[in-house]
Structures are given as structure tokens and as C-alpha cells.
Amino acid sequence: MDLWVVIRERYAIVSFFIVLFLLSLFSLIAIRKSRLVISKTIATILIVFCVSLIILSLLGLLFTISFGYNS
């Protein structure tokens, strides 16, 4: 399977999941650094939300690249 061809065919969807992953990762880092400023419950909720977005974006990226390849 030529991975580069699959990524080139679905670059819009792949780039969406990559941007979502990076935004979630940077948000997670920012939340972890500012834990002392915000309350503990809000920090926990935001951390769980960012981690779930990271997992969903990785699963979406995997699904987009692996499934739908017809050869």
C-alpha cells in the first residue's frame, strides 16, 4: 500500500485531523502549565476533553488513511 498516494488523495480530511490533534495537544500543554491559576475541577474537565479530542483525532486519522483504500 502506497501511503503517500492515500494521504494525497485525502489531504483535506487528513489535514483536518492533524490540525485538531495539534490544537488539542497545545491546549493540553497550556492547561497543564496553568493548573495553579484555574480551579481544579475546570482543569480536570478541560484535560479530559483535550485527551478525548486527541484520541478521537488519532482514530479519525487512522480510519481515514486505512479504510477506503481500494486497490
PDB file of N, CA and C in Angstrom:
ATOM      1  N   MET A   1       0.852  -1.170   0.000  1.00  0.00           N
ATOM      2  CA  MET A   1       0.000   0.000   0.000  1.00  0.00           C
ATOM      3  C   MET A   1       0.896   1.231   0.000  1.00  0.00           C
ATOM      4  N   ASP A   2       0.648   2.104  -0.939  1.00  0.00           N
ATOM      5  CA  ASP A   2       1.423   3.322  -1.028  1.00  0.00           C
ATOM      6  C   ASP A   2       0.752   4.400  -0.173  1.00  0.00           C
ATOM      7  N   LEU A   3       1.309   4.612   0.984  1.00  0.00           N
ATOM      8  CA  LEU A   3       0.723   5.527   1.969  1.00  0.00           C
ATOM      9  C   LEU A   3       0.689   6.961   1.452  1.00  0.00           C
ATOM     10  N   TRP A   4       1.711   7.364   0.721  1.00  0.00           N
ATOM     11  CA  TRP A   4       1.767   8.737   0.223  1.00  0.00           C
ATOM     12  C   TRP A   4       0.616   9.031  -0.741  1.00  0.00           C
ATOM     13  N   VAL A   5       0.230   8.083  -1.570  1.00  0.00           N
ATOM     14  CA  VAL A   5      -0.879   8.268  -2.507  1.00  0.00           C
ATOM     15  C   VAL A   5      -2.190   8.414  -1.747  1.00  0.00           C
ATOM     16  N   VAL A   6      -2.365   7.624  -0.715  1.00  0.00           N
ATOM     17  CA  VAL A   6      -3.593   7.685   0.089  1.00  0.00           C
ATOM     18  C   VAL A   6      -3.692   9.042   0.781  1.00  0.00           C
ATOM     19  N   ILE A   7      -2.588   9.519   1.325  1.00  0.00           N
ATOM     20  CA  ILE A   7      -2.604  10.818   2.005  1.00  0.00           C
ATOM     21  C   ILE A   7      -2.858  11.943   1.008  1.00  0.00           C
ATOM     22  N   ARG A   8      -2.279  11.864  -0.182  1.00  0.00           N
ATOM     23  CA  ARG A   8      -2.505  12.898  -1.196  1.00  0.00           C
ATOM     24  C   ARG A   8      -3.956  12.929  -1.662  1.00  0.00           C
ATOM     25  N   GLU A   9      -4.595  11.776  -1.737  1.00  0.00           N
ATOM     26  CA  GLU A   9      -5.993  11.727  -2.167  1.00  0.00           C
ATOM     27  C   GLU A   9      -6.927  12.317  -1.124  1.00  0.00           C
ATOM     28  N   ARG A  10      -6.580  12.175   0.145  1.00  0.00           N
ATOM     29  CA  ARG A  10      -7.459  12.618   1.237  1.00  0.00           C
ATOM     30  C   ARG A  10      -6.806  13.701   2.078  1.00  0.00           C
ATOM     31  N   TYR A  11      -6.102  14.624   1.425  1.00  0.00           N
ATOM     32  CA  TYR A  11      -5.327  15.616   2.184  1.00  0.00           C
ATOM     33  C   TYR A  11      -6.207  16.559   2.994  1.00  0.00           C
ATOM     34  N   ALA A  12      -7.410  16.863   2.552  1.00  0.00           N
ATOM     35  CA  ALA A  12      -8.276  17.784   3.301  1.00  0.00           C
ATOM     36  C   ALA A  12      -8.726  17.154   4.615  1.00  0.00           C
ATOM     37  N   ILE A  13      -9.144  15.920   4.564  1.00  0.00           N
ATOM     38  CA  ILE A  13      -9.604  15.243   5.768  1.00  0.00           C
ATOM     39  C   ILE A  13      -8.434  14.955   6.704  1.00  0.00           C
ATOM     40  N   VAL A  14      -7.315  14.529   6.140  1.00  0.00           N
ATOM     41  CA  VAL A  14      -6.131  14.249   6.949  1.00  0.00           C
ATOM     42  C   VAL A  14      -5.628  15.516   7.622  1.00  0.00           C
ATOM     43  N   SER A  15      -5.606  16.620   6.885  1.00  0.00           N
ATOM     44  CA  SER A  15      -5.129  17.871   7.481  1.00  0.00           C
ATOM     45  C   SER A  15      -6.077  18.364   8.573  1.00  0.00           C
ATOM     46  N   PHE A  16      -7.381  18.119   8.443  1.00  0.00           N
ATOM     47  CA  PHE A  16      -8.320  18.482   9.498  1.00  0.00           C
ATOM     48  C   PHE A  16      -8.005  17.741  10.790  1.00  0.00           C
ATOM     49  N   PHE A  17      -7.770  16.440  10.691  1.00  0.00           N
ATOM     50  CA  PHE A  17      -7.473  15.653  11.887  1.00  0.00           C
ATOM     51  C   PHE A  17      -6.113  16.016  12.482  1.00  0.00           C
ATOM     52  N   ILE A  18      -5.149  16.354  11.643  1.00  0.00           N
ATOM     53  CA  ILE A  18      -3.838  16.757  12.147  1.00  0.00           C
ATOM     54  C   ILE A  18      -3.936  18.094  12.870  1.00  0.00           C
ATOM     55  N   VAL A  19      -4.677  19.048  12.302  1.00  0.00           N
ATOM     56  CA  VAL A  19      -4.857  20.345  12.963  1.00  0.00           C
ATOM     57  C   VAL A  19      -5.611  20.185  14.274  1.00  0.00           C
ATOM     58  N   LEU A  20      -6.641  19.362  14.291  1.00  0.00           N
ATOM     59  CA  LEU A  20      -7.386  19.099  15.517  1.00  0.00           C
ATOM     60  C   LEU A  20      -6.489  18.468  16.583  1.00  0.00           C
ATOM     61  N   PHE A  21      -5.646  17.537  16.174  1.00  0.00           N
ATOM     62  CA  PHE A  21      -4.703  16.910  17.095  1.00  0.00           C
ATOM     63  C   PHE A  21      -3.725  17.932  17.672  1.00  0.00           C
ATOM     64  N   LEU A  22      -3.166  18.771  16.823  1.00  0.00           N
ATOM     65  CA  LEU A  22      -2.193  19.755  17.298  1.00  0.00           C
ATOM     66  C   LEU A  22      -2.829  20.798  18.210  1.00  0.00           C
ATOM     67  N   LEU A  23      -4.028  21.261  17.863  1.00  0.00           N
ATOM     68  CA  LEU A  23      -4.715  22.228  18.727  1.00  0.00           C
ATOM     69  C   LEU A  23      -5.031  21.627  20.094  1.00  0.00           C
ATOM     70  N   SER A  24      -5.457  20.388  20.097  1.00  0.00           N
ATOM     71  CA  SER A  24      -5.745  19.721  21.370  1.00  0.00           C
ATOM     72  C   SER A  24      -4.481  19.509  22.187  1.00  0.00           C
ATOM     73  N   LEU A  25      -3.404  19.165  21.513  1.00  0.00           N
ATOM     74  CA  LEU A  25      -2.139  18.948  22.212  1.00  0.00           C
ATOM     75  C   LEU A  25      -1.616  20.246  22.812  1.00  0.00           C
ATOM     76  N   PHE A  26      -1.658  21.335  22.052  1.00  0.00           N
ATOM     77  CA  PHE A  26      -1.195  22.619  22.580  1.00  0.00           C
ATOM     78  C   PHE A  26      -2.104  23.121  23.693  1.00  0.00           C
ATOM     79  N   SER A  27      -3.395  22.875  23.571  1.00  0.00           N
ATOM     80  CA  SER A  27      -4.318  23.255  24.642  1.00  0.00           C
ATOM     81  C   SER A  27      -4.043  22.451  25.904  1.00  0.00           C
ATOM     82  N   LEU A  28      -3.764  21.178  25.742  1.00  0.00           N
ATOM     83  CA  LEU A  28      -3.446  20.333  26.886  1.00  0.00           C
ATOM     84  C   LEU A  28      -2.181  20.816  27.588  1.00  0.00           C
ATOM     85  N   ILE A  29      -1.179  21.177  26.828  1.00  0.00           N
ATOM     86  CA  ILE A  29       0.061  21.693  27.418  1.00  0.00           C
ATOM     87  C   ILE A  29      -0.200  22.999  28.146  1.00  0.00           C
ATOM     88  N   ALA A  30      -1.006  23.883  27.544  1.00  0.00           N
ATOM     89  CA  ALA A  30      -1.314  25.164  28.183  1.00  0.00           C
ATOM     90  C   ALA A  30      -2.120  24.975  29.464  1.00  0.00           C
ATOM     91  N   ILE A  31      -3.033  24.041  29.456  1.00  0.00           N
ATOM     92  CA  ILE A  31      -3.845  23.774  30.654  1.00  0.00           C
ATOM     93  C   ILE A  31      -2.973  23.192  31.765  1.00  0.00           C
ATOM     94  N   ARG A  32      -2.076  22.287  31.391  1.00  0.00           N
ATOM     95  CA  ARG A  32      -1.196  21.684  32.394  1.00  0.00           C
ATOM     96  C   ARG A  32      -0.269  22.721  33.022  1.00  0.00           C
ATOM     97  N   LYS A  33       0.149  23.721  32.243  1.00  0.00           N
ATOM     98  CA  LYS A  33       1.035  24.756  32.784  1.00  0.00           C
ATOM     99  C   LYS A  33       0.286  25.763  33.649  1.00  0.00           C
ATOM    100  N   SER A  34      -0.988  25.977  33.385  1.00  0.00           N
ATOM    101  CA  SER A  34      -1.746  26.976  34.142  1.00  0.00           C
ATOM    102  C   SER A  34      -2.722  26.336  35.126  1.00  0.00           C
ATOM    103  N   ARG A  35      -2.389  25.177  35.642  1.00  0.00           N
ATOM    104  CA  ARG A  35      -3.267  24.494  36.597  1.00  0.00           C
ATOM    105  C   ARG A  35      -3.430  25.266  37.891  1.00  0.00           C
ATOM    106  N   LEU A  36      -2.422  26.009  38.280  1.00  0.00           N
ATOM    107  CA  LEU A  36      -2.498  26.738  39.541  1.00  0.00           C
ATOM    108  C   LEU A  36      -3.393  27.961  39.441  1.00  0.00           C
ATOM    109  N   VAL A  37      -3.594  28.480  38.259  1.00  0.00           N
ATOM    110  CA  VAL A  37      -4.392  29.690  38.068  1.00  0.00           C
ATOM    111  C   VAL A  37      -5.884  29.363  38.028  1.00  0.00           C
ATOM    112  N   ILE A  38      -6.253  28.267  37.361  1.00  0.00           N
ATOM    113  CA  ILE A  38      -7.666  27.911  37.245  1.00  0.00           C
ATOM    114  C   ILE A  38      -8.018  26.868  38.307  1.00  0.00           C
ATOM    115  N   SER A  39      -9.309  26.706  38.514  1.00  0.00           N
ATOM    116  CA  SER A  39      -9.740  25.760  39.554  1.00  0.00           C
ATOM    117  C   SER A  39      -9.465  24.318  39.128  1.00  0.00           C
ATOM    118  N   LYS A  40      -9.409  23.458  40.102  1.00  0.00           N
ATOM    119  CA  LYS A  40      -9.041  22.062  39.871  1.00  0.00           C
ATOM    120  C   LYS A  40     -10.091  21.319  39.040  1.00  0.00           C
ATOM    121  N   THR A  41     -11.374  21.597  39.282  1.00  0.00           N
ATOM    122  CA  THR A  41     -12.422  20.897  38.538  1.00  0.00           C
ATOM    123  C   THR A  41     -12.442  21.323  37.080  1.00  0.00           C
ATOM    124  N   ILE A  42     -12.274  22.610  36.821  1.00  0.00           N
ATOM    125  CA  ILE A  42     -12.259  23.077  35.434  1.00  0.00           C
ATOM    126  C   ILE A  42     -11.030  22.529  34.714  1.00  0.00           C
ATOM    127  N   ALA A  43      -9.899  22.500  35.392  1.00  0.00           N
ATOM    128  CA  ALA A  43      -8.684  21.946  34.787  1.00  0.00           C
ATOM    129  C   ALA A  43      -8.865  20.470  34.453  1.00  0.00           C
ATOM    130  N   THR A  44      -9.491  19.726  35.346  1.00  0.00           N
ATOM    131  CA  THR A  44      -9.719  18.305  35.107  1.00  0.00           C
ATOM    132  C   THR A  44     -10.668  18.087  33.928  1.00  0.00           C
ATOM    133  N   ILE A  45     -11.725  18.863  33.873  1.00  0.00           N
ATOM    134  CA  ILE A  45     -12.681  18.743  32.768  1.00  0.00           C
ATOM    135  C   ILE A  45     -12.018  19.078  31.444  1.00  0.00           C
ATOM    136  N   LEU A  46     -11.223  20.137  31.416  1.00  0.00           N
ATOM    137  CA  LEU A  46     -10.545  20.529  30.182  1.00  0.00           C
ATOM    138  C   LEU A  46      -9.484  19.514  29.769  1.00  0.00           C
ATOM    139  N   ILE A  47      -8.785  18.939  30.737  1.00  0.00           N
ATOM    140  CA  ILE A  47      -7.791  17.918  30.419  1.00  0.00           C
ATOM    141  C   ILE A  47      -8.458  16.679  29.830  1.00  0.00           C
ATOM    142  N   VAL A  48      -9.563  16.267  30.412  1.00  0.00           N
ATOM    143  CA  VAL A  48     -10.294  15.102  29.882  1.00  0.00           C
ATOM    144  C   VAL A  48     -10.821  15.398  28.477  1.00  0.00           C
ATOM    145  N   PHE A  49     -11.320  16.602  28.271  1.00  0.00           N
ATOM    146  CA  PHE A  49     -11.828  16.992  26.953  1.00  0.00           C
ATOM    147  C   PHE A  49     -10.707  16.994  25.912  1.00  0.00           C
ATOM    148  N   CYS A  50      -9.555  17.540  26.252  1.00  0.00           N
ATOM    149  CA  CYS A  50      -8.433  17.583  25.305  1.00  0.00           C
ATOM    150  C   CYS A  50      -7.900  16.190  25.007  1.00  0.00           C
ATOM    151  N   VAL A  51      -7.809  15.351  26.012  1.00  0.00           N
ATOM    152  CA  VAL A  51      -7.332  13.986  25.792  1.00  0.00           C
ATOM    153  C   VAL A  51      -8.312  13.206  24.918  1.00  0.00           C
ATOM    154  N   SER A  52      -9.603  13.399  25.142  1.00  0.00           N
ATOM    155  CA  SER A  52     -10.585  12.709  24.298  1.00  0.00           C
ATOM    156  C   SER A  52     -10.539  13.226  22.862  1.00  0.00           C
ATOM    157  N   LEU A  53     -10.301  14.528  22.670  1.00  0.00           N
ATOM    158  CA  LEU A  53     -10.152  15.051  21.311  1.00  0.00           C
ATOM    159  C   LEU A  53      -8.897  14.507  20.635  1.00  0.00           C
ATOM    160  N   ILE A  54      -7.840  14.348  21.390  1.00  0.00           N
ATOM    161  CA  ILE A  54      -6.618  13.767  20.829  1.00  0.00           C
ATOM    162  C   ILE A  54      -6.865  12.332  20.393  1.00  0.00           C
ATOM    163  N   ILE A  55      -7.526  11.562  21.223  1.00  0.00           N
ATOM    164  CA  ILE A  55      -7.814  10.168  20.886  1.00  0.00           C
ATOM    165  C   ILE A  55      -8.749  10.086  19.682  1.00  0.00           C
ATOM    166  N   LEU A  56      -9.789  10.928  19.660  1.00  0.00           N
ATOM    167  CA  LEU A  56     -10.715  10.912  18.522  1.00  0.00           C
ATOM    168  C   LEU A  56     -10.046  11.348  17.238  1.00  0.00           C
ATOM    169  N   SER A  57      -9.161  12.320  17.298  1.00  0.00           N
ATOM    170  CA  SER A  57      -8.486  12.761  16.081  1.00  0.00           C
ATOM    171  C   SER A  57      -7.514  11.693  15.573  1.00  0.00           C
ATOM    172  N   LEU A  58      -6.843  10.997  16.488  1.00  0.00           N
ATOM    173  CA  LEU A  58      -5.961   9.914  16.049  1.00  0.00           C
ATOM    174  C   LEU A  58      -6.748   8.752  15.448  1.00  0.00           C
ATOM    175  N   LEU A  59      -7.882   8.426  16.050  1.00  0.00           N
ATOM    176  CA  LEU A  59      -8.725   7.374  15.484  1.00  0.00           C
ATOM    177  C   LEU A  59      -9.305   7.787  14.134  1.00  0.00           C
ATOM    178  N   GLY A  60      -9.703   9.034  14.024  1.00  0.00           N
ATOM    179  CA  GLY A  60     -10.202   9.533  12.742  1.00  0.00           C
ATOM    180  C   GLY A  60      -9.129   9.528  11.674  1.00  0.00           C
ATOM    181  N   LEU A  61      -7.924   9.889  12.045  1.00  0.00           N
ATOM    182  CA  LEU A  61      -6.802   9.860  11.111  1.00  0.00           C
ATOM    183  C   LEU A  61      -6.502   8.431  10.675  1.00  0.00           C
ATOM    184  N   LEU A  62      -6.502   7.522  11.620  1.00  0.00           N
ATOM    185  CA  LEU A  62      -6.275   6.113  11.297  1.00  0.00           C
ATOM    186  C   LEU A  62      -7.373   5.563  10.400  1.00  0.00           C
ATOM    187  N   PHE A  63      -8.614   5.901  10.710  1.00  0.00           N
ATOM    188  CA  PHE A  63      -9.743   5.437   9.900  1.00  0.00           C
ATOM    189  C   PHE A  63      -9.672   6.008   8.491  1.00  0.00           C
ATOM    190  N   THR A  64      -9.320   7.292   8.374  1.00  0.00           N
ATOM    191  CA  THR A  64      -9.257   7.934   7.070  1.00  0.00           C
ATOM    192  C   THR A  64      -8.165   7.335   6.203  1.00  0.00           C
ATOM    193  N   ILE A  65      -7.028   7.045   6.795  1.00  0.00           N
ATOM    194  CA  ILE A  65      -5.915   6.523   6.000  1.00  0.00           C
ATOM    195  C   ILE A  65      -6.080   5.037   5.702  1.00  0.00           C
ATOM    196  N   SER A  66      -6.510   4.262   6.675  1.00  0.00           N
ATOM    197  CA  SER A  66      -6.522   2.820   6.481  1.00  0.00           C
ATOM    198  C   SER A  66      -7.733   2.301   5.724  1.00  0.00           C
ATOM    199  N   PHE A  67      -8.896   2.860   5.980  1.00  0.00           N
ATOM    200  CA  PHE A  67     -10.093   2.384   5.300  1.00  0.00           C
ATOM    201  C   PHE A  67     -10.400   3.260   4.105  1.00  0.00           C
ATOM    202  N   GLY A  68     -10.922   2.666   3.101  1.00  0.00           N
ATOM    203  CA  GLY A  68     -11.255   3.399   1.892  1.00  0.00           C
ATOM    204  C   GLY A  68     -10.197   3.295   0.835  1.00  0.00           C
ATOM    205  N   TYR A  69      -9.138   2.582   1.102  1.00  0.00           N
ATOM    206  CA  TYR A  69      -8.097   2.380   0.106  1.00  0.00           C
ATOM    207  C   TYR A  69      -8.500   1.204  -0.761  1.00  0.00           C
ATOM    208  N   ASN A  70      -8.809   1.474  -2.013  1.00  0.00           N
ATOM    209  CA  ASN A  70      -9.294   0.429  -2.918  1.00  0.00           C
ATOM    210  C   ASN A  70      -8.206   0.093  -3.928  1.00  0.00           C
ATOM    211  N   SER A  71      -7.588  -1.035  -3.723  1.00  0.00           N
ATOM    212  CA  SER A  71      -6.547  -1.429  -4.654  1.00  0.00           C
ATOM    213  C   SER A  71      -6.457  -2.947  -4.713  1.00  0.00           C
TER     214      SER A  71
END
